[in-house]
Amino acid sequence: MNKLIINFTPTGMVPTKAMTPHVPISVAEIVEEVQAASEIGITAVHLHARDEESGAPTYRKDIYGRIMEGIRRYCPELVLCVSLSGRNFNELSKRSEAIELYPDMGSLTLSSLNFPRQASVNAPDMIQALAEKMNDFGVHPELEVFDLGMIHYAHYLIQKNILRPPYYFNLIFGNLAGMQADLAEMGLAVKQLPPGSHWAFGGIGRQQLAANTAAIAAGGGVRVGLEDNLYYDQHKNQLARNIDLLKRVHTLAEIFERRVMSPAEFGNLGFYNIKARMIST
């Protein structure tokens, strides 16, 4: 049976306490939220660190390190991915700092793109430098795709042996300047992936539920959490909690008879950081 990968995204770079009181910002809040999600059932977690005074996104590995240490204390098998985003800072030294903590995975957006109020700049040399550093530290890229061009660039990096299997793709729908949660666009994106890729659908805002449902029905994984969507309902009357969104995914999984893939099952597909485990022993 094709098991369901659930990639949990509790914080992100955009949500603030002013937008929703439910978003976890501090190290303790993030660790507690991930622990609660793990008890319900998730496969991997996509982490963003925040400055605990200002609440702003931060690249600092001391904060990422405390988050990772806290999660591993309670959820030692969980696959941990750190954000290497360029939305708020775009120097390689800053963006790549968390790689030195030997997480299992690191996010890698495969081109520049515009969000409604902000650009995420990912120049070719930056993408390749991040990928090469991940290779050096045994970190597996979590490949983030917002349009078909990013998939084509992934194929190019594979040909250059910069990206190496196994491959994991987050296909993210709903950004104004990217793919939408339309069946034709979703199907074409999956069709263009390298053979044997593991993939999950994420949806921004109102498109999260549609993307998650389509992925579960089609045999893929899901990306879910407050990073992408703050509301439980389509009319934006009810603020969601991470746990609400996660429980809804579990309900859908039961309907479609999809068992959730455990962290160990996912990690043993090749997504654990073997170098980190060698260091720890």
Protein backbone atom coordinates (compact mmCIF):
# COMPACT_ATOMS: atom_id res chain seq x y z
CA MET A 1 0.00 0.00 0.00
CA ASN A 2 1.23 3.51 -0.87
CA LYS A 3 1.69 5.16 2.51
CA LEU A 4 0.94 8.82 3.11
CA ILE A 5 3.82 11.22 3.78
CA ILE A 6 2.66 14.07 6.06
CA ASN A 7 5.07 16.98 6.05
CA PHE A 8 4.13 19.27 8.96
CA THR A 9 4.81 23.03 8.58
CA PRO A 10 3.88 24.69 11.88
CA THR A 11 5.41 28.19 11.66
CA GLY A 12 6.71 29.52 8.35
CA MET A 13 8.17 32.99 7.81
CA VAL A 14 5.01 35.10 7.46
CA PRO A 15 2.43 34.34 10.20
CA THR A 16 2.64 36.49 13.33
CA LYS A 17 0.81 36.46 16.64
CA ALA A 18 -1.10 39.51 15.39
CA MET A 19 -2.42 37.43 12.48
CA THR A 20 -3.24 34.40 14.62
CA PRO A 21 -2.54 33.55 18.25
CA HIS A 22 -2.13 29.92 17.24
CA VAL A 23 1.17 30.18 15.36
CA PRO A 24 4.13 28.83 17.39
CA ILE A 25 6.98 31.35 17.51
CA SER A 26 9.25 30.57 20.46
CA VAL A 27 11.48 27.50 20.68
CA ALA A 28 9.28 26.03 23.40
CA GLU A 29 6.09 26.63 21.41
CA ILE A 30 7.50 25.04 18.26
CA VAL A 31 8.82 22.00 20.14
CA GLU A 32 5.51 21.55 21.95
CA GLU A 33 3.52 21.86 18.72
CA VAL A 34 5.71 19.33 16.91
CA GLN A 35 5.43 16.91 19.81
CA ALA A 36 1.62 17.19 19.76
CA ALA A 37 1.58 16.68 15.99
CA SER A 38 3.87 13.67 16.29
CA GLU A 39 1.46 12.06 18.72
CA ILE A 40 -1.34 12.42 16.15
CA GLY A 41 0.89 11.22 13.32
CA ILE A 42 3.32 13.02 11.00
CA THR A 43 6.23 11.85 8.86
CA ALA A 44 8.52 14.89 8.75
CA VAL A 45 8.57 18.47 10.01
CA HIS A 46 9.61 21.57 8.06
CA LEU A 47 11.06 24.04 10.56
CA HIS A 48 11.38 27.82 10.55
CA ALA A 49 13.19 29.55 13.41
CA ARG A 50 12.10 32.92 14.81
CA ASP A 51 13.84 35.52 16.91
CA GLU A 52 12.16 35.18 20.29
CA GLU A 53 12.11 38.92 21.02
CA SER A 54 10.94 40.32 17.69
CA GLY A 55 9.23 37.22 16.27
CA ALA A 56 11.00 37.84 12.95
CA PRO A 57 12.44 34.96 10.91
CA THR A 58 16.03 34.12 11.73
CA TYR A 59 18.75 32.01 10.14
CA ARG A 60 20.72 31.56 13.38
CA LYS A 61 21.82 28.01 13.98
CA ASP A 62 21.83 28.43 17.76
CA ILE A 63 18.04 28.86 17.66
CA TYR A 64 17.60 26.08 15.10
CA GLY A 65 19.82 23.93 17.27
CA ARG A 66 17.62 24.42 20.33
CA ILE A 67 14.53 23.57 18.30
CA MET A 68 16.10 20.43 16.87
CA GLU A 69 17.43 19.34 20.27
CA GLY A 70 14.00 19.79 21.84
CA ILE A 71 12.22 17.84 19.12
CA ARG A 72 14.72 15.01 19.11
CA ARG A 73 14.39 14.66 22.86
CA TYR A 74 10.70 13.74 22.43
CA CYS A 75 10.56 12.51 18.80
CA PRO A 76 13.97 10.95 18.02
CA GLU A 77 12.83 9.26 14.80
CA LEU A 78 11.15 12.30 13.25
CA VAL A 79 12.71 13.51 9.98
CA LEU A 80 13.78 17.13 10.54
CA CYS A 81 14.00 19.69 7.73
CA VAL A 82 15.32 23.22 8.27
CA SER A 83 14.39 26.19 6.11
CA LEU A 84 17.11 27.69 3.92
CA SER A 85 14.82 30.36 2.51
CA GLY A 86 16.03 33.55 0.87
CA ARG A 87 12.96 35.66 1.51
CA ASN A 88 14.44 37.70 4.38
CA PHE A 89 18.20 37.22 3.96
CA ASN A 90 20.12 36.12 0.92
CA GLU A 91 23.77 35.73 1.88
CA LEU A 92 25.03 32.17 1.49
CA SER A 93 26.73 32.22 4.90
CA LYS A 94 23.41 33.03 6.58
CA ARG A 95 21.15 30.84 4.49
CA SER A 96 23.41 27.81 4.87
CA GLU A 97 24.24 28.19 8.57
CA ALA A 98 21.64 25.67 9.76
CA ILE A 99 23.07 23.00 7.44
CA GLU A 100 26.02 22.78 9.85
CA LEU A 101 23.66 21.30 12.47
CA TYR A 102 23.35 18.12 10.33
CA PRO A 103 19.56 18.08 9.98
CA ASP A 104 18.06 15.32 7.87
CA MET A 105 16.81 17.73 5.20
CA GLY A 106 17.04 21.36 4.12
CA SER A 107 14.60 23.27 1.93
CA LEU A 108 15.78 24.20 -1.55
CA THR A 109 13.56 26.42 -3.69
CA LEU A 110 14.55 25.84 -7.29
CA SER A 111 14.20 29.37 -8.69
CA SER A 112 13.32 32.93 -7.74
CA LEU A 113 9.64 33.78 -7.40
CA ASN A 114 7.30 36.57 -6.35
CA PHE A 115 4.92 36.27 -3.43
CA PRO A 116 2.08 38.83 -3.12
CA ARG A 117 4.19 41.29 -1.10
CA GLN A 118 7.72 39.94 -1.32
CA ALA A 119 10.22 38.23 -3.59
CA SER A 120 12.11 35.07 -2.79
CA VAL A 121 15.43 35.40 -4.58
CA ASN A 122 17.16 32.16 -5.51
CA ALA A 123 19.88 32.75 -8.08
CA PRO A 124 21.38 29.72 -9.86
CA ASP A 125 24.72 30.05 -8.07
CA MET A 126 22.94 30.25 -4.70
CA ILE A 127 20.83 27.16 -5.41
CA GLN A 128 23.85 25.16 -6.47
CA ALA A 129 25.97 26.35 -3.53
CA LEU A 130 23.25 25.37 -1.03
CA ALA A 131 22.86 21.97 -2.69
CA GLU A 132 26.61 21.33 -2.67
CA LYS A 133 26.90 22.27 1.01
CA MET A 134 24.00 19.95 1.82
CA ASN A 135 25.83 17.17 0.00
CA ASP A 136 28.93 17.87 2.11
CA PHE A 137 26.96 17.59 5.36
CA GLY A 138 24.78 14.63 4.37
CA VAL A 139 21.63 16.78 4.25
CA HIS A 140 18.93 15.84 1.74
CA PRO A 141 17.24 18.66 -0.22
CA GLU A 142 13.54 19.17 0.29
CA LEU A 143 12.87 20.46 -3.22
CA GLU A 144 10.29 23.24 -3.23
CA VAL A 145 8.48 23.83 -6.52
CA PHE A 146 6.05 26.65 -7.33
CA ASP A 147 6.05 26.37 -11.15
CA LEU A 148 7.05 23.92 -13.87
CA GLY A 149 10.29 25.74 -14.61
CA MET A 150 11.56 24.70 -11.19
CA ILE A 151 11.04 21.04 -12.09
CA HIS A 152 12.99 21.53 -15.31
CA TYR A 153 15.82 23.07 -13.28
CA ALA A 154 15.77 20.05 -10.96
CA HIS A 155 16.39 17.82 -13.98
CA TYR A 156 19.33 20.05 -14.95
CA LEU A 157 20.85 19.74 -11.46
CA ILE A 158 20.38 15.98 -11.57
CA GLN A 159 22.27 15.83 -14.87
CA LYS A 160 25.11 17.78 -13.23
CA ASN A 161 25.10 15.33 -10.26
CA ILE A 162 24.35 18.20 -7.86
CA LEU A 163 21.01 16.66 -6.89
CA ARG A 164 21.22 12.97 -6.03
CA PRO A 165 18.54 10.40 -5.22
CA PRO A 166 16.32 9.87 -3.40
CA TYR A 167 14.32 12.92 -4.46
CA TYR A 168 11.59 14.58 -2.43
CA PHE A 169 9.46 17.35 -3.95
CA ASN A 170 7.01 19.72 -2.31
CA LEU A 171 4.72 20.91 -5.11
CA ILE A 172 3.13 24.09 -3.77
CA PHE A 173 -0.03 25.50 -5.33
CA GLY A 174 -1.94 28.74 -4.84
CA ASN A 175 0.74 31.41 -5.05
CA LEU A 176 -0.40 34.22 -7.35
CA ALA A 177 2.71 33.88 -9.53
CA GLY A 178 2.80 30.11 -9.57
CA MET A 179 0.85 26.90 -10.10
CA GLN A 180 -2.77 26.71 -8.98
CA ALA A 181 -4.64 23.79 -7.42
CA ASP A 182 -6.19 22.87 -10.75
CA LEU A 183 -6.27 19.19 -11.69
CA ALA A 184 -4.57 19.79 -15.03
CA GLU A 185 -1.71 21.77 -13.46
CA MET A 186 -1.30 19.31 -10.61
CA GLY A 187 -1.23 16.31 -12.92
CA LEU A 188 1.27 17.90 -15.28
CA ALA A 189 3.58 18.81 -12.39
CA VAL A 190 3.63 15.22 -11.11
CA LYS A 191 4.17 13.89 -14.63
CA GLN A 192 7.28 16.06 -15.06
CA LEU A 193 9.01 14.78 -11.90
CA PRO A 194 12.08 12.53 -12.14
CA PRO A 195 11.24 8.80 -12.03
CA GLY A 196 10.93 7.41 -8.53
CA SER A 197 10.42 10.80 -6.86
CA HIS A 198 8.54 11.13 -3.59
CA TRP A 199 6.17 14.09 -3.72
CA ALA A 200 3.66 16.02 -1.67
CA PHE A 201 1.14 18.74 -2.46
CA GLY A 202 0.95 21.93 -0.43
CA GLY A 203 -1.62 24.67 -0.92
CA ILE A 204 -1.51 28.34 0.05
CA GLY A 205 -4.57 29.78 1.81
CA ARG A 206 -7.87 28.48 0.46
CA GLN A 207 -6.04 26.07 -1.82
CA GLN A 208 -4.50 24.03 1.02
CA LEU A 209 -7.49 21.74 1.47
CA ALA A 210 -7.92 21.18 -2.27
CA ALA A 211 -4.23 20.39 -2.72
CA ASN A 212 -4.14 18.06 0.28
CA THR A 213 -7.28 16.21 -0.83
CA ALA A 214 -6.05 15.78 -4.41
CA ALA A 215 -2.71 14.44 -3.22
CA ILE A 216 -4.26 11.94 -0.85
CA ALA A 217 -6.64 10.74 -3.59
CA ALA A 218 -3.83 10.49 -6.15
CA GLY A 219 -1.37 8.60 -3.95
CA GLY A 220 0.95 11.46 -3.01
CA GLY A 221 1.89 13.09 0.25
CA VAL A 222 0.74 16.32 1.86
CA ARG A 223 2.33 19.44 3.27
CA VAL A 224 0.09 20.95 5.94
CA GLY A 225 0.27 23.61 8.63
CA LEU A 226 -0.08 27.28 9.50
CA GLU A 227 2.92 28.21 7.37
CA ASP A 228 0.66 28.06 4.32
CA ASN A 229 -2.85 28.64 5.64
CA LEU A 230 -4.25 30.38 8.73
CA TYR A 231 -7.94 29.47 8.38
CA TYR A 232 -9.94 26.30 8.78
CA ASP A 233 -12.81 27.33 6.49
CA GLN A 234 -12.94 28.65 2.93
CA HIS A 235 -14.66 31.89 3.97
CA LYS A 236 -11.94 32.74 6.49
CA ASN A 237 -14.26 32.97 9.48
CA GLN A 238 -12.45 30.47 11.70
CA LEU A 239 -8.76 30.66 12.52
CA ALA A 240 -7.18 27.23 12.42
CA ARG A 241 -4.80 25.57 14.81
CA ASN A 242 -2.07 23.37 13.41
CA ILE A 243 -3.68 20.42 15.14
CA ASP A 244 -7.05 21.17 13.45
CA LEU A 245 -5.46 21.10 10.01
CA LEU A 246 -3.52 17.94 10.81
CA LYS A 247 -6.56 16.10 12.15
CA ARG A 248 -8.48 16.96 8.97
CA VAL A 249 -5.71 15.37 6.90
CA HIS A 250 -5.99 12.25 9.04
CA THR A 251 -9.74 12.16 8.43
CA LEU A 252 -9.14 12.36 4.68
CA ALA A 253 -6.49 9.65 4.93
CA GLU A 254 -8.99 7.36 6.61
CA ILE A 255 -11.57 8.03 3.90
CA PHE A 256 -9.10 7.14 1.16
CA GLU A 257 -7.64 4.24 3.18
CA ARG A 258 -4.13 5.71 3.23
CA ARG A 259 -1.95 4.76 6.19
CA VAL A 260 0.45 7.47 7.37
CA MET A 261 4.10 6.72 6.70
CA SER A 262 6.08 6.66 9.92
CA PRO A 263 9.18 8.84 10.32
CA ALA A 264 11.38 5.74 10.44
CA GLU A 265 9.88 4.37 7.22
CA PHE A 266 10.54 7.68 5.46
CA GLY A 267 13.99 8.09 6.95
CA ASN A 268 14.96 4.58 5.94
CA LEU A 269 14.03 5.35 2.33
CA GLY A 270 17.23 7.40 2.35
CA PHE A 271 16.14 10.65 3.98
CA TYR A 272 17.90 10.28 7.32
CA ASN A 273 21.19 12.14 7.64
CA ILE A 274 23.58 9.21 7.96
CA LYS A 275 26.52 11.52 8.69
CA ALA A 276 24.68 12.94 11.69
CA ARG A 277 24.03 9.49 13.06
CA MET A 278 27.66 8.50 12.60
CA ILE A 279 28.74 11.60 14.52
CA SER A 280 26.32 10.93 17.37
CA THR A 281 27.63 7.40 17.82
